[in-house]
Structures are given as structure tokens and as C-alpha cells.
Amino acid sequence: MLHGLPKIKHLDSNNFFLMAGPCAIEGEDIAMRIAERIVEITNKHKIPYIFKGSYRKANRSRLDSFTGIGDEKALKILEKIGKTFDVPTVTDIHESSEAAIAAAYVDVLQIPAFLCRQTDLLVAAAKTGKFVNVKKGQFLSGASMKHAVHKVKDSGNPNIFLTDRGNSFGYQDMIVDFRNITEMRTMGVPVVMDCTHSLQQPNQESGVTGGKPELIETIAKAAIAVGADGLFIETHPDPKNAKSDGANMLHLDHLDSLMQKLVLIRQAIL
């Protein structure tokens, strides 16, 4: 599934894998503290782990929203986390020109949901040789993601996985159709459930995206039960004061107990 991904551990546990971390890299100290805690939790439960952090936030509702601390500074923090904790790292890219730059610092390149049909971006990510995580657009079915898979694989890179992050429901809500996980798994690639962004409430009049973090556990349990290979969870020790997507992040203090429950569900379905 993820064999060949540098620094990935616990693949022999038959657990789901976890991509988790803050929405954005806010600074070195807090990023390192979050990474250290998640590494402790995933080692405890023998869960393969990839640290997640966006080095730049390009998709913002308002012009004055936080976008990052500087590209090179944030990428170097991601690189330091990977080396310090010996874990793979993932970050988003938004334009073709970013692929090679980010690939010098991280192990997985992530294609945001709104950009999952951008052929040049997918091809540029594929040609770096890094693992590529493509998020399913809110406007697409799971079955339609076969085209993204073909774009990456036909560019010479077999290392792709897909992430569902829900579908648009009206103008200001999201809904999860778990058929998408089953449909995408037929494509022969690992499939991930984004348990936090799928609970967003976008397009609020304030220009700040809302969310329903109290349902993260529900989405995660259901995803594991229907066979998701991995989970994507944004987490923070102080979500209310996080600089991006705080409204739908999991409090870091709740991650350990959630993982314990999910490992039991995973064991039950194997």
C-alpha cells in the first residue's frame, strides 16, 4: 500500500494509516510539539503516520486571511520535522511550478480538492517521483477520480492515493457519501477519508469557514468500517486560536482516545 514511502513505519500492523497535523505551518515550535505528540500516539497504537502541514494556504475566503509564514521557512520546518521524528511529511501544492520546490523538502505532494482536475499540476507532481495524494473535488463523484489516477500513473508515477473530503451540499454545507470510498478503492490505490474538511461549512457570510468538529469521530468510525485505508485529520492543541481552519479541527488532546477506538474497529473488520 505505502511500501516505498520513505520513513513510514508500522506497515506490518495491518492498521489504517494516518495523515495528521495542523492545517498550516504556524511556526516551528508549535509544529514540532504537534508532531512529537502525534508520533507518540501513532507509535503507541502502531499506526503508520505521515505528518501533514500546509506550507502555504492559497485557498482563502478573505484577502486578509492567514496564508503562511513564508514558503521557504515553512518548508524547512516540514523538512526538520521529517528528520527529527523520522516520519514522512506531506504538504499541498497549488501551481505546477511549486511541485519541484516542495518535493525537495517533503515526501508526499498533495493536490487540493478544488485543483484535482488540473492536468498540468497533476503531471508536475507525478514527475517529481514523490507520492501524490489527490483530494477528490467537492463537485465530483468517487468514480470520476479514475481520470486523476490515470494522469498520475500515465506520467510514470504509480505512487498515488486518493482522499475523499465530502461533497458540496447546498451552498454552505458538506455531506459524506461513503460510496465514494468503495468506488475509489476499485481503482487499486489507497483511499483516505478526510475527517475534518468533510465537516466544513463553507461560504459563510463572515468569510470564515465554519465546521462541525463534534462529528469527526462519527466520520472516522464510519470510514474505517467501510474499508478506508487511511484517515486525514487536522489537529491542534488550541483549535479556537489556530490560524487556519480552526472551526473544524480536532483538539490534539482527543486524538489518542479516538485512535484507540478506531484501531478496535479496524481489527473487527479484518
C-alpha atoms as a PDB file:
ATOM      1  CA  MET A   1       0.000   0.000   0.000  1.00  0.00           C
ATOM      2  CA  LEU A   2       2.571   2.570   1.107  1.00  0.00           C
ATOM      3  CA  HIS A   3       5.683   0.419   0.691  1.00  0.00           C
ATOM      4  CA  GLY A   4       8.374   2.606  -0.800  1.00  0.00           C
ATOM      5  CA  LEU A   5       7.317   5.719   1.113  1.00  0.00           C
ATOM      6  CA  PRO A   6      10.428   6.886   2.988  1.00  0.00           C
ATOM      7  CA  LYS A   7      10.385   6.640   6.793  1.00  0.00           C
ATOM      8  CA  ILE A   8       6.903   5.103   7.016  1.00  0.00           C
ATOM      9  CA  LYS A   9       6.579   2.711   9.969  1.00  0.00           C
ATOM     10  CA  HIS A  10       4.209   0.063  11.334  1.00  0.00           C
ATOM     11  CA  LEU A  11       3.101  -1.184   7.907  1.00  0.00           C
ATOM     12  CA  ASP A  12       3.074  -4.733   9.288  1.00  0.00           C
ATOM     13  CA  SER A  13       0.378  -3.830  11.850  1.00  0.00           C
ATOM     14  CA  ASN A  14      -2.470  -4.020   9.302  1.00  0.00           C
ATOM     15  CA  ASN A  15      -3.756  -0.735  10.715  1.00  0.00           C
ATOM     16  CA  PHE A  16      -5.076   2.171   8.685  1.00  0.00           C
ATOM     17  CA  PHE A  17      -2.520   4.922   8.107  1.00  0.00           C
ATOM     18  CA  LEU A  18      -2.880   8.473   9.404  1.00  0.00           C
ATOM     19  CA  MET A  19      -2.090  11.830   7.844  1.00  0.00           C
ATOM     20  CA  ALA A  20      -2.380  14.376  10.622  1.00  0.00           C
ATOM     21  CA  GLY A  21      -1.052  17.712  11.807  1.00  0.00           C
ATOM     22  CA  PRO A  22      -2.056  21.361  11.820  1.00  0.00           C
ATOM     23  CA  CYS A  23      -3.846  22.927   8.885  1.00  0.00           C
ATOM     24  CA  ALA A  24      -0.993  25.367   8.297  1.00  0.00           C
ATOM     25  CA  ILE A  25       2.592  25.644   9.497  1.00  0.00           C
ATOM     26  CA  GLU A  26       2.227  28.489  12.012  1.00  0.00           C
ATOM     27  CA  GLY A  27       5.747  28.329  13.426  1.00  0.00           C
ATOM     28  CA  GLU A  28       8.486  25.864  14.290  1.00  0.00           C
ATOM     29  CA  ASP A  29       7.773  25.437  17.990  1.00  0.00           C
ATOM     30  CA  ILE A  30       4.079  24.574  17.712  1.00  0.00           C
ATOM     31  CA  ALA A  31       4.610  22.384  14.643  1.00  0.00           C
ATOM     32  CA  MET A  32       7.310  20.392  16.451  1.00  0.00           C
ATOM     33  CA  ARG A  33       5.132  19.996  19.544  1.00  0.00           C
ATOM     34  CA  ILE A  34       2.198  18.745  17.488  1.00  0.00           C
ATOM     35  CA  ALA A  35       4.408  16.331  15.559  1.00  0.00           C
ATOM     36  CA  GLU A  36       6.007  14.974  18.729  1.00  0.00           C
ATOM     37  CA  ARG A  37       2.625  14.234  20.305  1.00  0.00           C
ATOM     38  CA  ILE A  38       1.182  12.554  17.217  1.00  0.00           C
ATOM     39  CA  VAL A  39       4.309  10.431  16.800  1.00  0.00           C
ATOM     40  CA  GLU A  40       3.900   9.254  20.410  1.00  0.00           C
ATOM     41  CA  ILE A  41       0.255   8.355  19.801  1.00  0.00           C
ATOM     42  CA  THR A  42       0.804   6.572  16.486  1.00  0.00           C
ATOM     43  CA  ASN A  43       3.769   4.608  17.836  1.00  0.00           C
ATOM     44  CA  LYS A  44       1.650   3.570  20.821  1.00  0.00           C
ATOM     45  CA  HIS A  45      -1.090   2.199  18.557  1.00  0.00           C
ATOM     46  CA  LYS A  46       1.260   1.045  15.755  1.00  0.00           C
ATOM     47  CA  ILE A  47      -0.367   3.298  13.178  1.00  0.00           C
ATOM     48  CA  PRO A  48       1.634   4.255  10.063  1.00  0.00           C
ATOM     49  CA  TYR A  49       1.960   8.040  10.200  1.00  0.00           C
ATOM     50  CA  ILE A  50       2.569  10.940   7.792  1.00  0.00           C
ATOM     51  CA  PHE A  51       2.907  14.450   9.258  1.00  0.00           C
ATOM     52  CA  LYS A  52       0.676  16.966   7.489  1.00  0.00           C
ATOM     53  CA  GLY A  53       1.147  20.719   7.313  1.00  0.00           C
ATOM     54  CA  SER A  54       0.428  23.269   4.582  1.00  0.00           C
ATOM     55  CA  TYR A  55       3.409  25.488   3.878  1.00  0.00           C
ATOM     56  CA  ARG A  56       1.117  27.998   2.192  1.00  0.00           C
ATOM     57  CA  LYS A  57      -2.658  28.448   2.212  1.00  0.00           C
ATOM     58  CA  ALA A  58      -3.724  29.590  -1.240  1.00  0.00           C
ATOM     59  CA  ASN A  59      -7.467  28.918  -0.981  1.00  0.00           C
ATOM     60  CA  ARG A  60      -8.703  31.561   1.434  1.00  0.00           C
ATOM     61  CA  SER A  61     -12.187  33.054   1.698  1.00  0.00           C
ATOM     62  CA  ARG A  62     -10.957  36.560   2.510  1.00  0.00           C
ATOM     63  CA  LEU A  63      -7.991  38.630   1.387  1.00  0.00           C
ATOM     64  CA  ASP A  64      -6.908  39.218   4.991  1.00  0.00           C
ATOM     65  CA  SER A  65      -6.903  35.510   5.940  1.00  0.00           C
ATOM     66  CA  PHE A  66      -3.657  33.897   7.114  1.00  0.00           C
ATOM     67  CA  THR A  67      -1.704  32.399   4.212  1.00  0.00           C
ATOM     68  CA  GLY A  68       1.589  31.371   5.796  1.00  0.00           C
ATOM     69  CA  ILE A  69       4.847  32.350   7.476  1.00  0.00           C
ATOM     70  CA  GLY A  70       6.872  32.312   4.258  1.00  0.00           C
ATOM     71  CA  ASP A  71       7.339  29.457   1.820  1.00  0.00           C
ATOM     72  CA  GLU A  72      10.966  28.564   2.461  1.00  0.00           C
ATOM     73  CA  LYS A  73      10.638  28.972   6.216  1.00  0.00           C
ATOM     74  CA  ALA A  74       7.616  26.673   6.376  1.00  0.00           C
ATOM     75  CA  LEU A  75       9.146  24.082   4.045  1.00  0.00           C
ATOM     76  CA  LYS A  76      12.308  23.960   6.161  1.00  0.00           C
ATOM     77  CA  ILE A  77      10.150  23.306   9.239  1.00  0.00           C
ATOM     78  CA  LEU A  78       8.496  20.400   7.423  1.00  0.00           C
ATOM     79  CA  GLU A  79      11.923  19.078   6.485  1.00  0.00           C
ATOM     80  CA  LYS A  80      13.108  19.377  10.096  1.00  0.00           C
ATOM     81  CA  ILE A  81      10.058  17.508  11.380  1.00  0.00           C
ATOM     82  CA  GLY A  82      10.708  14.685   8.922  1.00  0.00           C
ATOM     83  CA  LYS A  83      14.335  14.391  10.008  1.00  0.00           C
ATOM     84  CA  THR A  84      13.772  14.896  13.749  1.00  0.00           C
ATOM     85  CA  PHE A  85      10.970  12.361  14.131  1.00  0.00           C
ATOM     86  CA  ASP A  86      11.918  10.126  11.187  1.00  0.00           C
ATOM     87  CA  VAL A  87       8.446  10.332   9.633  1.00  0.00           C
ATOM     88  CA  PRO A  88       7.284  11.159   6.105  1.00  0.00           C
ATOM     89  CA  THR A  89       5.697  14.560   5.526  1.00  0.00           C
ATOM     90  CA  VAL A  90       3.003  15.902   3.210  1.00  0.00           C
ATOM     91  CA  THR A  91       2.114  19.393   2.058  1.00  0.00           C
ATOM     92  CA  ASP A  92      -0.194  20.976  -0.525  1.00  0.00           C
ATOM     93  CA  ILE A  93       0.903  22.469  -3.811  1.00  0.00           C
ATOM     94  CA  HIS A  94      -1.233  24.806  -5.886  1.00  0.00           C
ATOM     95  CA  GLU A  95       0.676  25.505  -9.112  1.00  0.00           C
ATOM     96  CA  SER A  96       2.874  23.390 -11.359  1.00  0.00           C
ATOM     97  CA  SER A  97       5.930  25.475 -10.510  1.00  0.00           C
ATOM     98  CA  GLU A  98       5.613  24.536  -6.821  1.00  0.00           C
ATOM     99  CA  ALA A  99       5.944  20.786  -7.377  1.00  0.00           C
ATOM    100  CA  ALA A 100       9.710  20.559  -7.693  1.00  0.00           C
ATOM    101  CA  ILE A 101      10.264  23.166  -4.978  1.00  0.00           C
ATOM    102  CA  ALA A 102       8.114  21.379  -2.376  1.00  0.00           C
ATOM    103  CA  ALA A 103       9.417  17.960  -3.424  1.00  0.00           C
ATOM    104  CA  ALA A 104      12.871  18.969  -2.203  1.00  0.00           C
ATOM    105  CA  TYR A 105      11.543  19.158   1.365  1.00  0.00           C
ATOM    106  CA  VAL A 106       8.647  16.661   1.734  1.00  0.00           C
ATOM    107  CA  ASP A 107       7.810  13.060   0.850  1.00  0.00           C
ATOM    108  CA  VAL A 108       4.210  13.433  -0.366  1.00  0.00           C
ATOM    109  CA  LEU A 109       2.713  16.161  -2.546  1.00  0.00           C
ATOM    110  CA  GLN A 110      -0.974  16.847  -2.005  1.00  0.00           C
ATOM    111  CA  ILE A 111      -3.307  18.188  -4.678  1.00  0.00           C
ATOM    112  CA  PRO A 112      -6.135  20.273  -3.160  1.00  0.00           C
ATOM    113  CA  ALA A 113      -9.692  19.223  -3.944  1.00  0.00           C
ATOM    114  CA  PHE A 114     -10.504  22.327  -5.985  1.00  0.00           C
ATOM    115  CA  LEU A 115      -7.485  21.578  -8.207  1.00  0.00           C
ATOM    116  CA  CYS A 116      -7.892  17.820  -8.700  1.00  0.00           C
ATOM    117  CA  ARG A 117      -8.733  18.233 -12.407  1.00  0.00           C
ATOM    118  CA  GLN A 118      -5.740  20.487 -13.190  1.00  0.00           C
ATOM    119  CA  THR A 119      -3.787  18.298 -15.574  1.00  0.00           C
ATOM    120  CA  ASP A 120      -0.550  20.316 -15.566  1.00  0.00           C
ATOM    121  CA  LEU A 121      -0.482  20.312 -11.756  1.00  0.00           C
ATOM    122  CA  LEU A 122      -1.047  16.555 -11.521  1.00  0.00           C
ATOM    123  CA  VAL A 123       1.597  15.824 -14.140  1.00  0.00           C
ATOM    124  CA  ALA A 124       4.142  18.134 -12.470  1.00  0.00           C
ATOM    125  CA  ALA A 125       3.558  16.428  -9.117  1.00  0.00           C
ATOM    126  CA  ALA A 126       3.843  12.984 -10.697  1.00  0.00           C
ATOM    127  CA  LYS A 127       7.106  13.803 -12.450  1.00  0.00           C
ATOM    128  CA  THR A 128       8.829  14.611  -9.144  1.00  0.00           C
ATOM    129  CA  GLY A 129       8.635  10.899  -8.339  1.00  0.00           C
ATOM    130  CA  LYS A 130       7.139  11.666  -4.935  1.00  0.00           C
ATOM    131  CA  PHE A 131       3.979  10.023  -3.625  1.00  0.00           C
ATOM    132  CA  VAL A 132       0.962  12.065  -4.724  1.00  0.00           C
ATOM    133  CA  ASN A 133      -2.227  12.451  -2.686  1.00  0.00           C
ATOM    134  CA  VAL A 134      -5.107  13.791  -4.762  1.00  0.00           C
ATOM    135  CA  LYS A 135      -8.123  15.081  -2.881  1.00  0.00           C
ATOM    136  CA  LYS A 136     -11.455  14.390  -4.548  1.00  0.00           C
ATOM    137  CA  GLY A 137     -13.217  17.574  -5.566  1.00  0.00           C
ATOM    138  CA  GLN A 138     -16.343  18.527  -3.631  1.00  0.00           C
ATOM    139  CA  PHE A 139     -18.081  18.605  -7.014  1.00  0.00           C
ATOM    140  CA  LEU A 140     -17.079  15.096  -8.167  1.00  0.00           C
ATOM    141  CA  SER A 141     -18.141  11.514  -7.610  1.00  0.00           C
ATOM    142  CA  GLY A 142     -15.669   8.930  -6.417  1.00  0.00           C
ATOM    143  CA  ALA A 143     -15.901   7.110  -9.745  1.00  0.00           C
ATOM    144  CA  SER A 144     -14.766  10.182 -11.667  1.00  0.00           C
ATOM    145  CA  MET A 145     -11.422  10.213  -9.834  1.00  0.00           C
ATOM    146  CA  LYS A 146     -10.202   7.468 -12.164  1.00  0.00           C
ATOM    147  CA  HIS A 147      -9.094  10.244 -14.507  1.00  0.00           C
ATOM    148  CA  ALA A 148      -6.820  11.758 -11.851  1.00  0.00           C
ATOM    149  CA  VAL A 149      -5.338   8.319 -11.211  1.00  0.00           C
ATOM    150  CA  HIS A 150      -4.631   7.845 -14.909  1.00  0.00           C
ATOM    151  CA  LYS A 151      -2.996  11.276 -15.216  1.00  0.00           C
ATOM    152  CA  VAL A 152      -0.521  10.489 -12.449  1.00  0.00           C
ATOM    153  CA  LYS A 153       0.169   6.887 -13.441  1.00  0.00           C
ATOM    154  CA  ASP A 154       0.437   7.698 -17.162  1.00  0.00           C
ATOM    155  CA  SER A 155       3.053  10.297 -16.225  1.00  0.00           C
ATOM    156  CA  GLY A 156       5.221   7.452 -14.933  1.00  0.00           C
ATOM    157  CA  ASN A 157       4.372   7.567 -11.238  1.00  0.00           C
ATOM    158  CA  PRO A 158       2.442   4.652  -9.667  1.00  0.00           C
ATOM    159  CA  ASN A 159       2.586   6.168  -6.173  1.00  0.00           C
ATOM    160  CA  ILE A 160      -0.810   7.780  -5.841  1.00  0.00           C
ATOM    161  CA  PHE A 161      -3.567   7.727  -3.271  1.00  0.00           C
ATOM    162  CA  LEU A 162      -6.945   9.444  -3.194  1.00  0.00           C
ATOM    163  CA  THR A 163      -8.669  11.345  -0.407  1.00  0.00           C
ATOM    164  CA  ASP A 164     -12.395  11.989  -0.050  1.00  0.00           C
ATOM    165  CA  ARG A 165     -13.313  15.249   1.654  1.00  0.00           C
ATOM    166  CA  GLY A 166     -17.061  15.195   1.197  1.00  0.00           C
ATOM    167  CA  ASN A 167     -19.352  16.748  -1.369  1.00  0.00           C
ATOM    168  CA  SER A 168     -20.984  20.156  -1.515  1.00  0.00           C
ATOM    169  CA  PHE A 169     -24.478  20.064  -0.050  1.00  0.00           C
ATOM    170  CA  GLY A 170     -26.305  23.244  -0.911  1.00  0.00           C
ATOM    171  CA  TYR A 171     -24.279  26.430  -0.668  1.00  0.00           C
ATOM    172  CA  GLN A 172     -22.981  26.264   2.907  1.00  0.00           C
ATOM    173  CA  ASP A 173     -22.555  22.655   3.952  1.00  0.00           C
ATOM    174  CA  MET A 174     -20.815  19.370   3.159  1.00  0.00           C
ATOM    175  CA  ILE A 175     -22.049  15.792   3.222  1.00  0.00           C
ATOM    176  CA  VAL A 176     -20.124  12.495   3.070  1.00  0.00           C
ATOM    177  CA  ASP A 177     -21.240   9.794   0.666  1.00  0.00           C
ATOM    178  CA  PHE A 178     -19.378   6.687   1.820  1.00  0.00           C
ATOM    179  CA  ARG A 179     -19.993   5.011  -1.540  1.00  0.00           C
ATOM    180  CA  ASN A 180     -17.100   7.155  -2.768  1.00  0.00           C
ATOM    181  CA  ILE A 181     -14.623   5.214  -0.645  1.00  0.00           C
ATOM    182  CA  THR A 182     -15.761   1.893  -2.089  1.00  0.00           C
ATOM    183  CA  GLU A 183     -15.759   3.251  -5.644  1.00  0.00           C
ATOM    184  CA  MET A 184     -12.270   4.724  -5.379  1.00  0.00           C
ATOM    185  CA  ARG A 185     -10.826   1.563  -3.817  1.00  0.00           C
ATOM    186  CA  THR A 186     -11.728  -0.333  -7.015  1.00  0.00           C
ATOM    187  CA  MET A 187      -9.035   1.759  -8.760  1.00  0.00           C
ATOM    188  CA  GLY A 188      -6.304  -0.150  -6.963  1.00  0.00           C
ATOM    189  CA  VAL A 189      -4.936   2.787  -4.961  1.00  0.00           C
ATOM    190  CA  PRO A 190      -5.080   3.542  -1.226  1.00  0.00           C
ATOM    191  CA  VAL A 191      -8.119   5.614  -0.253  1.00  0.00           C
ATOM    192  CA  VAL A 192      -8.221   8.106   2.594  1.00  0.00           C
ATOM    193  CA  MET A 193     -11.101   9.840   4.386  1.00  0.00           C
ATOM    194  CA  ASP A 194     -10.557  13.477   5.305  1.00  0.00           C
ATOM    195  CA  CYS A 195     -12.446  13.559   8.596  1.00  0.00           C
ATOM    196  CA  THR A 196     -12.085  17.289   9.221  1.00  0.00           C
ATOM    197  CA  HIS A 197     -12.572  19.127   5.929  1.00  0.00           C
ATOM    198  CA  SER A 198     -15.601  16.948   5.189  1.00  0.00           C
ATOM    199  CA  LEU A 199     -17.284  18.674   8.147  1.00  0.00           C
ATOM    200  CA  GLN A 200     -16.689  22.195   6.907  1.00  0.00           C
ATOM    201  CA  GLN A 201     -19.444  24.739   6.482  1.00  0.00           C
ATOM    202  CA  PRO A 202     -18.029  26.900   3.680  1.00  0.00           C
ATOM    203  CA  ASN A 203     -19.188  30.192   2.209  1.00  0.00           C
ATOM    204  CA  GLN A 204     -20.297  31.743   5.487  1.00  0.00           C
ATOM    205  CA  GLU A 205     -21.230  35.427   5.278  1.00  0.00           C
ATOM    206  CA  SER A 206     -18.368  36.314   7.640  1.00  0.00           C
ATOM    207  CA  GLY A 207     -15.870  34.928   5.137  1.00  0.00           C
ATOM    208  CA  VAL A 208     -14.620  32.448   7.757  1.00  0.00           C
ATOM    209  CA  THR A 209     -15.405  28.776   7.116  1.00  0.00           C
ATOM    210  CA  GLY A 210     -17.391  27.056   9.849  1.00  0.00           C
ATOM    211  CA  GLY A 211     -17.403  23.402  10.839  1.00  0.00           C
ATOM    212  CA  LYS A 212     -18.781  20.592  12.987  1.00  0.00           C
ATOM    213  CA  PRO A 213     -15.771  19.089  14.806  1.00  0.00           C
ATOM    214  CA  GLU A 214     -18.051  17.198  17.194  1.00  0.00           C
ATOM    215  CA  LEU A 215     -18.761  14.811  14.293  1.00  0.00           C
ATOM    216  CA  ILE A 216     -15.109  13.974  13.496  1.00  0.00           C
ATOM    217  CA  GLU A 217     -15.317  10.734  15.473  1.00  0.00           C
ATOM    218  CA  THR A 218     -18.502   9.722  13.643  1.00  0.00           C
ATOM    219  CA  ILE A 219     -16.973  10.267  10.214  1.00  0.00           C
ATOM    220  CA  ALA A 220     -13.749   8.484  11.201  1.00  0.00           C
ATOM    221  CA  LYS A 221     -15.541   5.432  12.617  1.00  0.00           C
ATOM    222  CA  ALA A 222     -17.731   5.102   9.538  1.00  0.00           C
ATOM    223  CA  ALA A 223     -14.761   5.477   7.186  1.00  0.00           C
ATOM    224  CA  ILE A 224     -12.799   2.694   8.868  1.00  0.00           C
ATOM    225  CA  ALA A 225     -15.898   0.493   8.976  1.00  0.00           C
ATOM    226  CA  VAL A 226     -16.426   0.748   5.202  1.00  0.00           C
ATOM    227  CA  GLY A 227     -12.778  -0.001   4.440  1.00  0.00           C
ATOM    228  CA  ALA A 228     -10.845   3.262   4.170  1.00  0.00           C
ATOM    229  CA  ASP A 229      -7.116   2.608   4.021  1.00  0.00           C
ATOM    230  CA  GLY A 230      -6.201   5.847   5.743  1.00  0.00           C
ATOM    231  CA  LEU A 231      -7.516   8.873   7.599  1.00  0.00           C
ATOM    232  CA  PHE A 232      -6.689  12.548   7.240  1.00  0.00           C
ATOM    233  CA  ILE A 233      -7.214  14.607  10.403  1.00  0.00           C
ATOM    234  CA  GLU A 234      -6.167  18.168  11.092  1.00  0.00           C
ATOM    235  CA  THR A 235      -5.433  18.635  14.775  1.00  0.00           C
ATOM    236  CA  HIS A 236      -4.201  21.428  17.020  1.00  0.00           C
ATOM    237  CA  PRO A 237      -3.679  21.967  20.775  1.00  0.00           C
ATOM    238  CA  ASP A 238      -5.797  25.138  20.620  1.00  0.00           C
ATOM    239  CA  PRO A 239      -8.173  24.972  17.625  1.00  0.00           C
ATOM    240  CA  LYS A 240     -10.025  28.162  18.557  1.00  0.00           C
ATOM    241  CA  ASN A 241      -6.813  30.131  18.124  1.00  0.00           C
ATOM    242  CA  ALA A 242      -5.423  28.222  15.139  1.00  0.00           C
ATOM    243  CA  LYS A 243      -4.605  30.496  12.220  1.00  0.00           C
ATOM    244  CA  SER A 244      -6.433  28.360   9.655  1.00  0.00           C
ATOM    245  CA  ASP A 245      -9.472  26.040   9.711  1.00  0.00           C
ATOM    246  CA  GLY A 246      -9.777  26.037  13.490  1.00  0.00           C
ATOM    247  CA  ALA A 247     -13.540  25.577  13.253  1.00  0.00           C
ATOM    248  CA  ASN A 248     -13.270  22.006  12.021  1.00  0.00           C
ATOM    249  CA  MET A 249     -10.034  20.746  13.614  1.00  0.00           C
ATOM    250  CA  LEU A 250      -9.774  18.024  16.255  1.00  0.00           C
ATOM    251  CA  HIS A 251      -8.334  19.092  19.599  1.00  0.00           C
ATOM    252  CA  LEU A 252      -4.990  17.335  19.972  1.00  0.00           C
ATOM    253  CA  ASP A 253      -5.980  16.083  23.435  1.00  0.00           C
ATOM    254  CA  HIS A 254      -8.702  13.924  21.852  1.00  0.00           C
ATOM    255  CA  LEU A 255      -6.539  12.183  19.259  1.00  0.00           C
ATOM    256  CA  ASP A 256      -5.237   9.340  21.435  1.00  0.00           C
ATOM    257  CA  SER A 257      -8.658   8.118  22.562  1.00  0.00           C
ATOM    258  CA  LEU A 258     -10.007   8.387  19.022  1.00  0.00           C
ATOM    259  CA  MET A 259      -7.160   6.302  17.607  1.00  0.00           C
ATOM    260  CA  GLN A 260      -7.743   3.642  20.260  1.00  0.00           C
ATOM    261  CA  LYS A 261     -11.388   3.300  19.218  1.00  0.00           C
ATOM    262  CA  LEU A 262     -10.557   3.242  15.515  1.00  0.00           C
ATOM    263  CA  VAL A 263      -7.915   0.548  15.889  1.00  0.00           C
ATOM    264  CA  LEU A 264     -10.552  -1.684  17.508  1.00  0.00           C
ATOM    265  CA  ILE A 265     -12.939  -1.103  14.598  1.00  0.00           C
ATOM    266  CA  ARG A 266     -10.160  -1.875  12.142  1.00  0.00           C
ATOM    267  CA  GLN A 267      -9.392  -5.138  13.943  1.00  0.00           C
ATOM    268  CA  ALA A 268     -13.068  -6.077  13.879  1.00  0.00           C
ATOM    269  CA  ILE A 269     -13.427  -5.771  10.106  1.00  0.00           C
ATOM    270  CA  LEU A 270     -10.238  -7.585   9.099  1.00  0.00           C
END
